[in-house]
C-alpha atoms as a PDB file:
ATOM      1  CA  UNK A   1      14.153   5.643   6.029  1.00  0.00           C
ATOM      2  CA  UNK A   2      11.825   2.741   5.322  1.00  0.00           C
ATOM      3  CA  UNK A   3       8.827   2.474   3.019  1.00  0.00           C
ATOM      4  CA  UNK A   4       6.375   3.145   5.818  1.00  0.00           C
ATOM      5  CA  UNK A   5       7.934   6.561   6.477  1.00  0.00           C
ATOM      6  CA  UNK A   6       8.117   7.700   2.866  1.00  0.00           C
ATOM      7  CA  UNK A   7       4.932   9.768   2.585  1.00  0.00           C
ATOM      8  CA  UNK A   8       4.093  12.519   5.038  1.00  0.00           C
ATOM      9  CA  UNK A   9       0.992  14.723   5.242  1.00  0.00           C
ATOM     10  CA  UNK A  10       2.331  18.266   4.954  1.00  0.00           C
ATOM     11  CA  UNK A  11       0.610  19.601   8.053  1.00  0.00           C
ATOM     12  CA  UNK A  12       1.407  16.787  10.470  1.00  0.00           C
ATOM     13  CA  UNK A  13       4.245  18.791  11.977  1.00  0.00           C
ATOM     14  CA  UNK A  14       1.778  21.551  12.845  1.00  0.00           C
ATOM     15  CA  UNK A  15      -0.699  19.368  14.711  1.00  0.00           C
ATOM     16  CA  UNK A  16      -0.637  20.312  18.384  1.00  0.00           C
ATOM     17  CA  UNK A  17      -0.211  17.767  21.141  1.00  0.00           C
ATOM     18  CA  UNK A  18       0.713  14.090  21.024  1.00  0.00           C
ATOM     19  CA  UNK A  19      -0.739  11.551  18.614  1.00  0.00           C
ATOM     20  CA  UNK A  20      -4.172  10.553  19.862  1.00  0.00           C
ATOM     21  CA  UNK A  21      -5.187   6.947  20.356  1.00  0.00           C
ATOM     22  CA  UNK A  22      -1.847   5.165  20.478  1.00  0.00           C
ATOM     23  CA  UNK A  23      -2.510   1.417  20.434  1.00  0.00           C
ATOM     24  CA  UNK A  24      -6.203   0.873  21.151  1.00  0.00           C
ATOM     25  CA  UNK A  25      -6.766   3.869  23.412  1.00  0.00           C
ATOM     26  CA  UNK A  26      -8.690   6.838  22.015  1.00  0.00           C
ATOM     27  CA  UNK A  27      -9.162  10.143  23.769  1.00  0.00           C
ATOM     28  CA  UNK A  28     -10.862  13.357  22.706  1.00  0.00           C
ATOM     29  CA  UNK A  29      -8.739  16.468  23.423  1.00  0.00           C
ATOM     30  CA  UNK A  30      -9.923  19.710  24.949  1.00  0.00           C
ATOM     31  CA  UNK A  31      -9.714  22.433  22.290  1.00  0.00           C
ATOM     32  CA  UNK A  32      -7.963  25.717  22.950  1.00  0.00           C
ATOM     33  CA  UNK A  33      -7.229  28.773  20.795  1.00  0.00           C
ATOM     34  CA  UNK A  34      -3.661  27.569  20.263  1.00  0.00           C
ATOM     35  CA  UNK A  35      -4.651  24.109  19.038  1.00  0.00           C
ATOM     36  CA  UNK A  36      -4.075  23.172  15.424  1.00  0.00           C
ATOM     37  CA  UNK A  37      -7.026  22.411  13.178  1.00  0.00           C
ATOM     38  CA  UNK A  38      -6.466  18.666  12.932  1.00  0.00           C
ATOM     39  CA  UNK A  39      -7.185  15.716  15.214  1.00  0.00           C
ATOM     40  CA  UNK A  40      -5.084  12.565  14.893  1.00  0.00           C
ATOM     41  CA  UNK A  41      -6.018   9.084  16.077  1.00  0.00           C
ATOM     42  CA  UNK A  42      -3.612   6.157  15.725  1.00  0.00           C
ATOM     43  CA  UNK A  43      -3.348   2.431  16.350  1.00  0.00           C
ATOM     44  CA  UNK A  44      -0.788  -0.274  15.627  1.00  0.00           C
ATOM     45  CA  UNK A  45      -1.909  -2.762  12.963  1.00  0.00           C
ATOM     46  CA  UNK A  46      -0.394  -4.719  10.059  1.00  0.00           C
ATOM     47  CA  UNK A  47       3.134  -4.205  11.438  1.00  0.00           C
ATOM     48  CA  UNK A  48       2.822  -0.418  11.186  1.00  0.00           C
ATOM     49  CA  UNK A  49       0.805   2.504  12.565  1.00  0.00           C
ATOM     50  CA  UNK A  50      -2.503   3.520  11.017  1.00  0.00           C
ATOM     51  CA  UNK A  51      -3.767   7.056  11.533  1.00  0.00           C
ATOM     52  CA  UNK A  52      -7.093   8.791  11.037  1.00  0.00           C
ATOM     53  CA  UNK A  53      -6.755  12.570  10.646  1.00  0.00           C
ATOM     54  CA  UNK A  54      -9.869  14.742  10.924  1.00  0.00           C
ATOM     55  CA  UNK A  55     -10.646  18.474  11.024  1.00  0.00           C
ATOM     56  CA  UNK A  56     -10.988  19.668  14.604  1.00  0.00           C
ATOM     57  CA  UNK A  57     -14.692  20.457  14.272  1.00  0.00           C
ATOM     58  CA  UNK A  58     -15.679  16.999  12.954  1.00  0.00           C
ATOM     59  CA  UNK A  59     -18.763  15.797  14.896  1.00  0.00           C
ATOM     60  CA  UNK A  60     -18.213  12.523  16.799  1.00  0.00           C
ATOM     61  CA  UNK A  61     -14.563  12.433  15.747  1.00  0.00           C
ATOM     62  CA  UNK A  62     -13.574   9.857  18.363  1.00  0.00           C
ATOM     63  CA  UNK A  63     -16.377   7.489  17.341  1.00  0.00           C
ATOM     64  CA  UNK A  64     -15.483   7.881  13.663  1.00  0.00           C
ATOM     65  CA  UNK A  65     -11.822   7.078  14.289  1.00  0.00           C
ATOM     66  CA  UNK A  66     -12.698   4.163  16.557  1.00  0.00           C
ATOM     67  CA  UNK A  67     -14.905   2.604  13.868  1.00  0.00           C
ATOM     68  CA  UNK A  68     -12.199   2.975  11.220  1.00  0.00           C
ATOM     69  CA  UNK A  69      -9.435   1.497  13.357  1.00  0.00           C
ATOM     70  CA  UNK A  70     -11.651  -1.363  14.533  1.00  0.00           C
ATOM     71  CA  UNK A  71     -12.332  -2.263  10.899  1.00  0.00           C
ATOM     72  CA  UNK A  72      -8.608  -2.245  10.153  1.00  0.00           C
ATOM     73  CA  UNK A  73      -8.047  -4.619  13.085  1.00  0.00           C
ATOM     74  CA  UNK A  74     -10.745  -6.939  11.710  1.00  0.00           C
ATOM     75  CA  UNK A  75      -9.162  -6.977   8.281  1.00  0.00           C
ATOM     76  CA  UNK A  76      -5.700  -7.673   9.644  1.00  0.00           C
ATOM     77  CA  UNK A  77      -7.096 -10.764  11.346  1.00  0.00           C
ATOM     78  CA  UNK A  78      -8.524 -11.861   7.990  1.00  0.00           C
ATOM     79  CA  UNK A  79      -5.711 -10.974   5.560  1.00  0.00           C
ATOM     80  CA  UNK A  80      -2.455 -11.596   7.428  1.00  0.00           C
ATOM     81  CA  UNK A  81      -0.190 -14.521   6.596  1.00  0.00           C
ATOM     82  CA  UNK A  82       1.473 -14.223  10.004  1.00  0.00           C
ATOM     83  CA  UNK A  83      -1.439 -15.824  11.881  1.00  0.00           C
ATOM     84  CA  UNK A  84      -2.448 -19.421  11.257  1.00  0.00           C
ATOM     85  CA  UNK A  85      -6.020 -18.494  12.171  1.00  0.00           C
ATOM     86  CA  UNK A  86      -6.493 -15.949   9.372  1.00  0.00           C
ATOM     87  CA  UNK A  87      -8.721 -16.594   6.377  1.00  0.00           C
ATOM     88  CA  UNK A  88      -5.763 -16.167   4.011  1.00  0.00           C
ATOM     89  CA  UNK A  89      -3.670 -18.699   5.948  1.00  0.00           C
ATOM     90  CA  UNK A  90      -6.589 -21.135   5.809  1.00  0.00           C
ATOM     91  CA  UNK A  91      -6.842 -20.519   2.081  1.00  0.00           C
ATOM     92  CA  UNK A  92      -3.148 -21.226   1.544  1.00  0.00           C
ATOM     93  CA  UNK A  93      -3.414 -24.433   3.565  1.00  0.00           C
ATOM     94  CA  UNK A  94      -6.475 -25.838   1.789  1.00  0.00           C
ATOM     95  CA  UNK A  95      -7.018 -24.277  -1.660  1.00  0.00           C
ATOM     96  CA  UNK A  96      -4.685 -26.689  -3.504  1.00  0.00           C
ATOM     97  CA  UNK A  97      -6.819 -29.591  -2.279  1.00  0.00           C
ATOM     98  CA  UNK A  98     -10.306 -28.272  -3.027  1.00  0.00           C
ATOM     99  CA  UNK A  99     -12.173 -25.020  -3.806  1.00  0.00           C
ATOM    100  CA  UNK A 100     -12.444 -22.883  -0.652  1.00  0.00           C
ATOM    101  CA  UNK A 101     -15.325 -20.472  -0.045  1.00  0.00           C
ATOM    102  CA  UNK A 102     -14.144 -17.051   1.137  1.00  0.00           C
ATOM    103  CA  UNK A 103     -15.796 -13.894   2.485  1.00  0.00           C
ATOM    104  CA  UNK A 104     -17.007 -11.459  -0.194  1.00  0.00           C
ATOM    105  CA  UNK A 105     -14.523  -8.656   0.463  1.00  0.00           C
ATOM    106  CA  UNK A 106     -11.626 -11.106   0.288  1.00  0.00           C
ATOM    107  CA  UNK A 107     -12.961 -12.603  -2.938  1.00  0.00           C
ATOM    108  CA  UNK A 108     -13.355  -9.135  -4.465  1.00  0.00           C
ATOM    109  CA  UNK A 109      -9.806  -8.240  -3.391  1.00  0.00           C
ATOM    110  CA  UNK A 110      -8.431 -11.393  -5.030  1.00  0.00           C
ATOM    111  CA  UNK A 111     -10.380 -10.584  -8.186  1.00  0.00           C
ATOM    112  CA  UNK A 112      -8.900  -7.066  -8.234  1.00  0.00           C
ATOM    113  CA  UNK A 113      -5.407  -8.485  -7.735  1.00  0.00           C
ATOM    114  CA  UNK A 114      -5.904 -10.918 -10.598  1.00  0.00           C
ATOM    115  CA  UNK A 115      -7.159  -8.147 -12.895  1.00  0.00           C
ATOM    116  CA  UNK A 116      -4.161  -5.921 -12.121  1.00  0.00           C
ATOM    117  CA  UNK A 117      -1.863  -8.916 -12.597  1.00  0.00           C
ATOM    118  CA  UNK A 118      -3.173  -9.296 -16.141  1.00  0.00           C
ATOM    119  CA  UNK A 119      -3.000  -5.570 -16.880  1.00  0.00           C
ATOM    120  CA  UNK A 120       0.619  -5.198 -15.721  1.00  0.00           C
ATOM    121  CA  UNK A 121       2.263  -7.991 -17.729  1.00  0.00           C
ATOM    122  CA  UNK A 122       2.248 -10.170 -14.582  1.00  0.00           C
ATOM    123  CA  UNK A 123       4.480  -7.697 -12.698  1.00  0.00           C
ATOM    124  CA  UNK A 124       1.954  -7.517  -9.864  1.00  0.00           C
ATOM    125  CA  UNK A 125       1.414 -10.969  -8.412  1.00  0.00           C
ATOM    126  CA  UNK A 126       0.071 -11.817  -4.969  1.00  0.00           C
ATOM    127  CA  UNK A 127       0.900 -15.515  -5.481  1.00  0.00           C
ATOM    128  CA  UNK A 128       4.583 -14.931  -4.617  1.00  0.00           C
ATOM    129  CA  UNK A 129       4.258 -16.020  -0.993  1.00  0.00           C
ATOM    130  CA  UNK A 130       6.610 -18.975  -1.454  1.00  0.00           C
ATOM    131  CA  UNK A 131       9.144 -16.801  -3.292  1.00  0.00           C
ATOM    132  CA  UNK A 132       9.110 -14.217  -0.489  1.00  0.00           C
ATOM    133  CA  UNK A 133       9.935 -17.007   1.968  1.00  0.00           C
ATOM    134  CA  UNK A 134      12.693 -18.327  -0.299  1.00  0.00           C
ATOM    135  CA  UNK A 135      14.398 -14.928  -0.261  1.00  0.00           C
ATOM    136  CA  UNK A 136      14.049 -14.709   3.542  1.00  0.00           C
ATOM    137  CA  UNK A 137      11.948 -11.544   3.432  1.00  0.00           C
ATOM    138  CA  UNK A 138       9.012 -13.224   5.165  1.00  0.00           C
ATOM    139  CA  UNK A 139      10.818 -12.997   8.519  1.00  0.00           C
ATOM    140  CA  UNK A 140      13.076 -10.066   7.540  1.00  0.00           C
ATOM    141  CA  UNK A 141      16.096 -12.333   7.237  1.00  0.00           C
ATOM    142  CA  UNK A 142      16.991 -11.610   3.621  1.00  0.00           C
ATOM    143  CA  UNK A 143      19.327 -13.958   1.749  1.00  0.00           C
ATOM    144  CA  UNK A 144      20.130 -14.740  -1.883  1.00  0.00           C
ATOM    145  CA  UNK A 145      18.700 -18.184  -2.683  1.00  0.00           C
ATOM    146  CA  UNK A 146      20.193 -20.545  -5.230  1.00  0.00           C
ATOM    147  CA  UNK A 147      18.798 -20.801  -8.750  1.00  0.00           C
ATOM    148  CA  UNK A 148      17.318 -24.176  -7.813  1.00  0.00           C
ATOM    149  CA  UNK A 149      15.571 -22.690  -4.778  1.00  0.00           C
ATOM    150  CA  UNK A 150      14.154 -19.832  -6.849  1.00  0.00           C
ATOM    151  CA  UNK A 151      12.831 -22.221  -9.478  1.00  0.00           C
ATOM    152  CA  UNK A 152      11.239 -24.396  -6.821  1.00  0.00           C
ATOM    153  CA  UNK A 153       9.186 -21.501  -5.427  1.00  0.00           C
ATOM    154  CA  UNK A 154       5.954 -21.812  -7.400  1.00  0.00           C
ATOM    155  CA  UNK A 155       4.425 -18.524  -8.561  1.00  0.00           C
ATOM    156  CA  UNK A 156       1.590 -17.554 -10.891  1.00  0.00           C
ATOM    157  CA  UNK A 157      -1.873 -16.031 -10.642  1.00  0.00           C
ATOM    158  CA  UNK A 158      -2.843 -18.277 -13.563  1.00  0.00           C
ATOM    159  CA  UNK A 159      -2.862 -21.043 -10.968  1.00  0.00           C
ATOM    160  CA  UNK A 160      -5.359 -19.174  -8.749  1.00  0.00           C
ATOM    161  CA  UNK A 161      -8.847 -20.080  -9.959  1.00  0.00           C
ATOM    162  CA  UNK A 162     -11.665 -17.743  -8.886  1.00  0.00           C
ATOM    163  CA  UNK A 163     -15.294 -18.860  -9.163  1.00  0.00           C
ATOM    164  CA  UNK A 164     -17.448 -15.716  -8.853  1.00  0.00           C
ATOM    165  CA  UNK A 165     -20.742 -17.613  -8.767  1.00  0.00           C
ATOM    166  CA  UNK A 166     -19.709 -19.853  -5.880  1.00  0.00           C
ATOM    167  CA  UNK A 167     -17.284 -17.296  -4.383  1.00  0.00           C
ATOM    168  CA  UNK A 168     -14.570 -19.921  -4.118  1.00  0.00           C
ATOM    169  CA  UNK A 169     -10.814 -20.022  -4.656  1.00  0.00           C
ATOM    170  CA  UNK A 170      -8.832 -23.004  -5.930  1.00  0.00           C
ATOM    171  CA  UNK A 171      -5.101 -23.397  -6.551  1.00  0.00           C
ATOM    172  CA  UNK A 172      -4.538 -25.767  -9.463  1.00  0.00           C
ATOM    173  CA  UNK A 173      -0.889 -26.231  -8.506  1.00  0.00           C
ATOM    174  CA  UNK A 174       0.506 -27.359  -5.179  1.00  0.00           C
ATOM    175  CA  UNK A 175       2.889 -24.946  -3.467  1.00  0.00           C
ATOM    176  CA  UNK A 176       1.097 -21.728  -4.454  1.00  0.00           C
ATOM    177  CA  UNK A 177       0.793 -19.220  -1.585  1.00  0.00           C
ATOM    178  CA  UNK A 178      -0.792 -15.812  -1.744  1.00  0.00           C
ATOM    179  CA  UNK A 179       0.607 -12.903   0.246  1.00  0.00           C
ATOM    180  CA  UNK A 180      -1.420  -9.681   0.339  1.00  0.00           C
ATOM    181  CA  UNK A 181       1.336  -7.460   1.723  1.00  0.00           C
ATOM    182  CA  UNK A 182       1.385  -5.409  -1.494  1.00  0.00           C
ATOM    183  CA  UNK A 183      -2.338  -4.602  -1.429  1.00  0.00           C
ATOM    184  CA  UNK A 184      -3.708  -5.348   2.046  1.00  0.00           C
ATOM    185  CA  UNK A 185      -3.096  -1.972   3.702  1.00  0.00           C
ATOM    186  CA  UNK A 186      -4.788  -0.177   0.851  1.00  0.00           C
ATOM    187  CA  UNK A 187      -7.774  -2.510   1.032  1.00  0.00           C
ATOM    188  CA  UNK A 188      -8.017  -1.894   4.782  1.00  0.00           C
ATOM    189  CA  UNK A 189      -8.134   1.873   4.195  1.00  0.00           C
ATOM    190  CA  UNK A 190     -10.826   1.492   1.519  1.00  0.00           C
ATOM    191  CA  UNK A 191     -12.999  -0.703   3.735  1.00  0.00           C
ATOM    192  CA  UNK A 192     -12.592   1.569   6.748  1.00  0.00           C
ATOM    193  CA  UNK A 193     -13.491   4.662   4.707  1.00  0.00           C
ATOM    194  CA  UNK A 194     -16.696   3.037   3.435  1.00  0.00           C
ATOM    195  CA  UNK A 195     -17.926   2.778   7.031  1.00  0.00           C
ATOM    196  CA  UNK A 196     -17.438   6.449   7.857  1.00  0.00           C
ATOM    197  CA  UNK A 197     -19.786   9.366   7.521  1.00  0.00           C
ATOM    198  CA  UNK A 198     -17.139  12.092   7.461  1.00  0.00           C
ATOM    199  CA  UNK A 199     -16.841  14.369   4.418  1.00  0.00           C
ATOM    200  CA  UNK A 200     -13.226  15.364   5.150  1.00  0.00           C
ATOM    201  CA  UNK A 201     -10.579  12.982   6.419  1.00  0.00           C
ATOM    202  CA  UNK A 202      -7.144  11.573   5.707  1.00  0.00           C
ATOM    203  CA  UNK A 203      -6.154   8.022   6.639  1.00  0.00           C
ATOM    204  CA  UNK A 204      -2.819   6.325   6.170  1.00  0.00           C
ATOM    205  CA  UNK A 205      -1.126   3.050   6.939  1.00  0.00           C
ATOM    206  CA  UNK A 206       2.473   3.736   7.871  1.00  0.00           C
ATOM    207  CA  UNK A 207       2.558   6.800   5.563  1.00  0.00           C
ATOM    208  CA  UNK A 208       3.121   4.578   2.491  1.00  0.00           C
ATOM    209  CA  UNK A 209      -0.601   4.011   1.822  1.00  0.00           C
ATOM    210  CA  UNK A 210      -2.894   7.049   2.002  1.00  0.00           C
ATOM    211  CA  UNK A 211      -6.589   7.695   1.393  1.00  0.00           C
ATOM    212  CA  UNK A 212      -8.041  11.208   1.286  1.00  0.00           C
ATOM    213  CA  UNK A 213     -11.662  12.301   1.359  1.00  0.00           C
ATOM    214  CA  UNK A 214     -12.737  15.888   0.788  1.00  0.00           C
ATOM    215  CA  UNK A 215     -10.404  18.774   1.633  1.00  0.00           C
ATOM    216  CA  UNK A 216      -7.813  19.641   4.239  1.00  0.00           C
ATOM    217  CA  UNK A 217      -9.253  23.170   4.514  1.00  0.00           C
ATOM    218  CA  UNK A 218     -12.291  24.779   2.821  1.00  0.00           C
ATOM    219  CA  UNK A 219     -10.127  26.566   0.240  1.00  0.00           C
ATOM    220  CA  UNK A 220      -7.550  23.846  -0.448  1.00  0.00           C
ATOM    221  CA  UNK A 221      -7.135  21.605  -3.498  1.00  0.00           C
ATOM    222  CA  UNK A 222      -7.652  18.584  -1.288  1.00  0.00           C
ATOM    223  CA  UNK A 223      -5.160  17.215   1.211  1.00  0.00           C
ATOM    224  CA  UNK A 224      -1.493  18.118   0.737  1.00  0.00           C
ATOM    225  CA  UNK A 225       0.941  15.232   1.134  1.00  0.00           C
ATOM    226  CA  UNK A 226       4.699  15.594   0.890  1.00  0.00           C
ATOM    227  CA  UNK A 227       6.801  13.226  -1.209  1.00  0.00           C
ATOM    228  CA  UNK A 228      10.245  12.807   0.354  1.00  0.00           C
ATOM    229  CA  UNK A 229      13.571  12.571  -1.440  1.00  0.00           C
ATOM    230  CA  UNK A 230      14.673   8.897  -1.294  1.00  0.00           C
ATOM    231  CA  UNK A 231      18.310   9.880  -0.770  1.00  0.00           C
ATOM    232  CA  UNK A 232      17.625  12.776   1.631  1.00  0.00           C
ATOM    233  CA  UNK A 233      14.481  11.846   3.581  1.00  0.00           C
ATOM    234  CA  UNK A 234      14.505  15.152   5.436  1.00  0.00           C
ATOM    235  CA  UNK A 235      13.900  16.956   2.122  1.00  0.00           C
ATOM    236  CA  UNK A 236      10.636  17.111   0.190  1.00  0.00           C
ATOM    237  CA  UNK A 237      10.745  16.564  -3.572  1.00  0.00           C
ATOM    238  CA  UNK A 238       7.077  17.152  -4.394  1.00  0.00           C
ATOM    239  CA  UNK A 239       3.668  18.013  -2.999  1.00  0.00           C
ATOM    240  CA  UNK A 240       0.704  15.815  -3.887  1.00  0.00           C
ATOM    241  CA  UNK A 241      -2.849  17.199  -3.759  1.00  0.00           C
ATOM    242  CA  UNK A 242      -5.373  14.448  -2.984  1.00  0.00           C
ATOM    243  CA  UNK A 243      -9.148  14.913  -3.067  1.00  0.00           C
ATOM    244  CA  UNK A 244     -11.315  11.783  -2.917  1.00  0.00           C
ATOM    245  CA  UNK A 245      -8.263   9.877  -4.088  1.00  0.00           C
ATOM    246  CA  UNK A 246      -5.654   7.494  -2.749  1.00  0.00           C
ATOM    247  CA  UNK A 247      -1.894   7.313  -2.972  1.00  0.00           C
ATOM    248  CA  UNK A 248       0.840   4.755  -2.311  1.00  0.00           C
ATOM    249  CA  UNK A 249       4.614   4.541  -2.621  1.00  0.00           C
ATOM    250  CA  UNK A 250       6.919   1.569  -3.077  1.00  0.00           C
ATOM    251  CA  UNK A 251      10.624   2.015  -2.321  1.00  0.00           C
ATOM    252  CA  UNK A 252      13.718  -0.168  -2.016  1.00  0.00           C
ATOM    253  CA  UNK A 253      14.579   1.158   1.435  1.00  0.00           C
ATOM    254  CA  UNK A 254      11.990  -0.958   3.276  1.00  0.00           C
ATOM    255  CA  UNK A 255      13.948  -4.230   3.255  1.00  0.00           C
ATOM    256  CA  UNK A 256      17.106  -4.960   1.337  1.00  0.00           C
ATOM    257  CA  UNK A 257      20.290  -7.006   1.312  1.00  0.00           C
ATOM    258  CA  UNK A 258      23.748  -6.338  -0.127  1.00  0.00           C
ATOM    259  CA  UNK A 259      24.922  -8.712  -2.865  1.00  0.00           C
ATOM    260  CA  UNK A 260      27.971  -8.323  -5.109  1.00  0.00           C
ATOM    261  CA  UNK A 261      28.093  -4.589  -4.473  1.00  0.00           C
ATOM    262  CA  UNK A 262      24.392  -4.088  -5.195  1.00  0.00           C
ATOM    263  CA  UNK A 263      21.461  -3.346  -2.947  1.00  0.00           C
ATOM    264  CA  UNK A 264      18.702  -5.891  -3.582  1.00  0.00           C
ATOM    265  CA  UNK A 265      15.298  -4.882  -2.267  1.00  0.00           C
ATOM    266  CA  UNK A 266      12.341  -6.897  -1.035  1.00  0.00           C
ATOM    267  CA  UNK A 267      10.193  -6.042  -4.082  1.00  0.00           C
ATOM    268  CA  UNK A 268      10.514  -9.207  -6.146  1.00  0.00           C
ATOM    269  CA  UNK A 269       9.785  -9.454  -9.854  1.00  0.00           C
ATOM    270  CA  UNK A 270       7.611 -12.600 -10.068  1.00  0.00           C
ATOM    271  CA  UNK A 271       8.641 -13.100 -13.696  1.00  0.00           C
ATOM    272  CA  UNK A 272      12.347 -13.448 -12.892  1.00  0.00           C
ATOM    273  CA  UNK A 273      12.223 -14.512  -9.207  1.00  0.00           C
ATOM    274  CA  UNK A 274      14.778 -11.734  -8.609  1.00  0.00           C
ATOM    275  CA  UNK A 275      14.464  -8.323  -6.876  1.00  0.00           C
ATOM    276  CA  UNK A 276      13.367  -5.491  -9.155  1.00  0.00           C
ATOM    277  CA  UNK A 277      16.160  -3.093 -10.074  1.00  0.00           C
ATOM    278  CA  UNK A 278      16.506   0.365 -11.597  1.00  0.00           C
ATOM    279  CA  UNK A 279      13.939   2.253  -9.526  1.00  0.00           C
ATOM    280  CA  UNK A 280      14.253   4.171  -6.264  1.00  0.00           C
ATOM    281  CA  UNK A 281      10.571   4.920  -5.701  1.00  0.00           C
ATOM    282  CA  UNK A 282       7.251   4.522  -7.463  1.00  0.00           C
ATOM    283  CA  UNK A 283       4.327   6.623  -6.234  1.00  0.00           C
ATOM    284  CA  UNK A 284       0.805   6.108  -7.570  1.00  0.00           C
ATOM    285  CA  UNK A 285      -2.443   8.042  -7.246  1.00  0.00           C
ATOM    286  CA  UNK A 286      -5.656   6.137  -7.922  1.00  0.00           C
ATOM    287  CA  UNK A 287      -9.386   6.080  -7.116  1.00  0.00           C
ATOM    288  CA  UNK A 288      -8.865   3.479  -4.361  1.00  0.00           C
ATOM    289  CA  UNK A 289      -6.052   2.739  -1.940  1.00  0.00           C
ATOM    290  CA  UNK A 290      -5.958  -0.940  -2.943  1.00  0.00           C
ATOM    291  CA  UNK A 291      -5.346   0.029  -6.569  1.00  0.00           C
ATOM    292  CA  UNK A 292      -2.690   2.560  -5.560  1.00  0.00           C
ATOM    293  CA  UNK A 293      -0.896  -0.042  -3.423  1.00  0.00           C
ATOM    294  CA  UNK A 294      -0.900  -2.697  -6.120  1.00  0.00           C
ATOM    295  CA  UNK A 295       0.134  -0.379  -8.935  1.00  0.00           C
ATOM    296  CA  UNK A 296       2.970   1.176  -6.904  1.00  0.00           C
ATOM    297  CA  UNK A 297       4.476  -2.302  -6.679  1.00  0.00           C
ATOM    298  CA  UNK A 298       3.798  -3.045 -10.351  1.00  0.00           C
ATOM    299  CA  UNK A 299       5.252   0.240 -11.615  1.00  0.00           C
ATOM    300  CA  UNK A 300       8.361  -0.172  -9.464  1.00  0.00           C
ATOM    301  CA  UNK A 301       8.940  -3.433 -11.329  1.00  0.00           C
ATOM    302  CA  UNK A 302       7.836  -2.274 -14.801  1.00  0.00           C
ATOM    303  CA  UNK A 303       9.862   0.939 -15.034  1.00  0.00           C
ATOM    304  CA  UNK A 304       9.102   4.302 -16.614  1.00  0.00           C
ATOM    305  CA  UNK A 305       8.116   3.451 -20.186  1.00  0.00           C
ATOM    306  CA  UNK A 306       5.748   0.603 -19.363  1.00  0.00           C
ATOM    307  CA  UNK A 307       4.231   2.704 -16.590  1.00  0.00           C
ATOM    308  CA  UNK A 308       3.671   5.450 -19.133  1.00  0.00           C
ATOM    309  CA  UNK A 309       1.947   2.973 -21.463  1.00  0.00           C
ATOM    310  CA  UNK A 310      -0.306   1.745 -18.645  1.00  0.00           C
ATOM    311  CA  UNK A 311      -1.362   5.249 -17.628  1.00  0.00           C
ATOM    312  CA  UNK A 312      -2.104   6.143 -21.251  1.00  0.00           C
ATOM    313  CA  UNK A 313      -4.892   3.548 -21.245  1.00  0.00           C
ATOM    314  CA  UNK A 314      -5.967   4.177 -17.633  1.00  0.00           C
ATOM    315  CA  UNK A 315      -6.642   7.927 -17.318  1.00  0.00           C
ATOM    316  CA  UNK A 316      -7.709   7.582 -13.688  1.00  0.00           C
ATOM    317  CA  UNK A 317      -4.147   6.601 -12.657  1.00  0.00           C
ATOM    318  CA  UNK A 318      -1.175   8.887 -12.020  1.00  0.00           C
ATOM    319  CA  UNK A 319       2.424   8.009 -11.198  1.00  0.00           C
ATOM    320  CA  UNK A 320       5.594   9.736 -10.018  1.00  0.00           C
ATOM    321  CA  UNK A 321       8.748   7.694 -10.560  1.00  0.00           C
ATOM    322  CA  UNK A 322      12.306   8.256  -9.383  1.00  0.00           C
ATOM    323  CA  UNK A 323      14.892   6.009 -11.034  1.00  0.00           C
ATOM    324  CA  UNK A 324      18.413   5.125  -9.955  1.00  0.00           C
ATOM    325  CA  UNK A 325      19.803   6.847 -13.045  1.00  0.00           C
ATOM    326  CA  UNK A 326      21.464  10.173 -12.216  1.00  0.00           C
ATOM    327  CA  UNK A 327      20.322  12.882 -12.087  1.00  0.00           C
ATOM    328  CA  UNK A 328      17.422  11.543 -10.083  1.00  0.00           C
ATOM    329  CA  UNK A 329      14.522  13.502 -11.506  1.00  0.00           C
ATOM    330  CA  UNK A 330      10.846  12.818 -10.898  1.00  0.00           C
ATOM    331  CA  UNK A 331       9.002  11.452 -13.915  1.00  0.00           C
ATOM    332  CA  UNK A 332       5.333  12.489 -13.712  1.00  0.00           C
ATOM    333  CA  UNK A 333       3.038  10.188 -15.669  1.00  0.00           C
ATOM    334  CA  UNK A 334      -0.670  10.360 -16.455  1.00  0.00           C
ATOM    335  CA  UNK A 335      -2.931  12.161 -14.005  1.00  0.00           C
ATOM    336  CA  UNK A 336       0.025  12.883 -11.709  1.00  0.00           C
ATOM    337  CA  UNK A 337       0.902  15.817 -13.974  1.00  0.00           C
ATOM    338  CA  UNK A 338      -2.109  17.669 -12.538  1.00  0.00           C
ATOM    339  CA  UNK A 339      -2.006  16.286  -8.996  1.00  0.00           C
ATOM    340  CA  UNK A 340       1.686  16.574  -8.123  1.00  0.00           C
ATOM    341  CA  UNK A 341       3.580  19.836  -7.681  1.00  0.00           C
ATOM    342  CA  UNK A 342       7.376  19.574  -7.921  1.00  0.00           C
ATOM    343  CA  UNK A 343       9.251  21.378  -5.148  1.00  0.00           C
ATOM    344  CA  UNK A 344      12.054  23.478  -6.617  1.00  0.00           C
END
């Protein structure tokens, strides 16, 4: 099981018919008495599959889904580091030489990332692009670099200068590269949702980043999303109830390498230049999907006690953590106590 398969809407198995809109093709189904109550539209983007899930009676459902998925495509073209033509790639190529003006949404996203970086003791850091490459995770060819190589990979959001008045970005140290893989899918969901006039919907990017609006059914507590057991992915450990909220999970099963009898994951601690250890999964609920994405990464690195301290001063955030320590129980922190129902 990889990170993109970790979260599953509870009712997906009950949706009748194939997934709608694979790739860029969208079709509206013909309803019948045996059809389930949900419509699903999907498209490949950001190296995963994004889905828009809507109640069957949603007016203009196809147009709504098309608009959302088109926006996600637009944002991938802007945020990816795997295309030389993207705005982020241009930023990485030029920002150490002079301040670079960027589009407002990108500037706001960088500002959010810098704020969370400061709030999480530097555990969340989008400036680790060079470190990701050093470890080989950029092309999914993981390797353990030497101490010299790790030290040579420059990291630090303190080197990313943001000028809000001019809307520019400047790197005050050569070699800094930002990589938005830990926050980009969430931002794409947030931006897509802002375009839509649908009171009830669920969107996800590869199941690891989820945004919910309204309710799954008129009498529900929101949308019900299953949280899988990291060791037994066919089993559900908890049920999360999301209403006008977002959710994300970080897990070590997405990319990892074996080293000296240990499994080292792709989630790197920017403070040590070494993969984070001690956690199996970190799930976060938050007002926005970008925040949930970023904090899931940060909490995976920080561990239970520092996550608890963060949530104590941020009442809008909830977290469910599963550590490597046996027995592997779920630690519910902050708002998650009310939002997450443990499956016995």
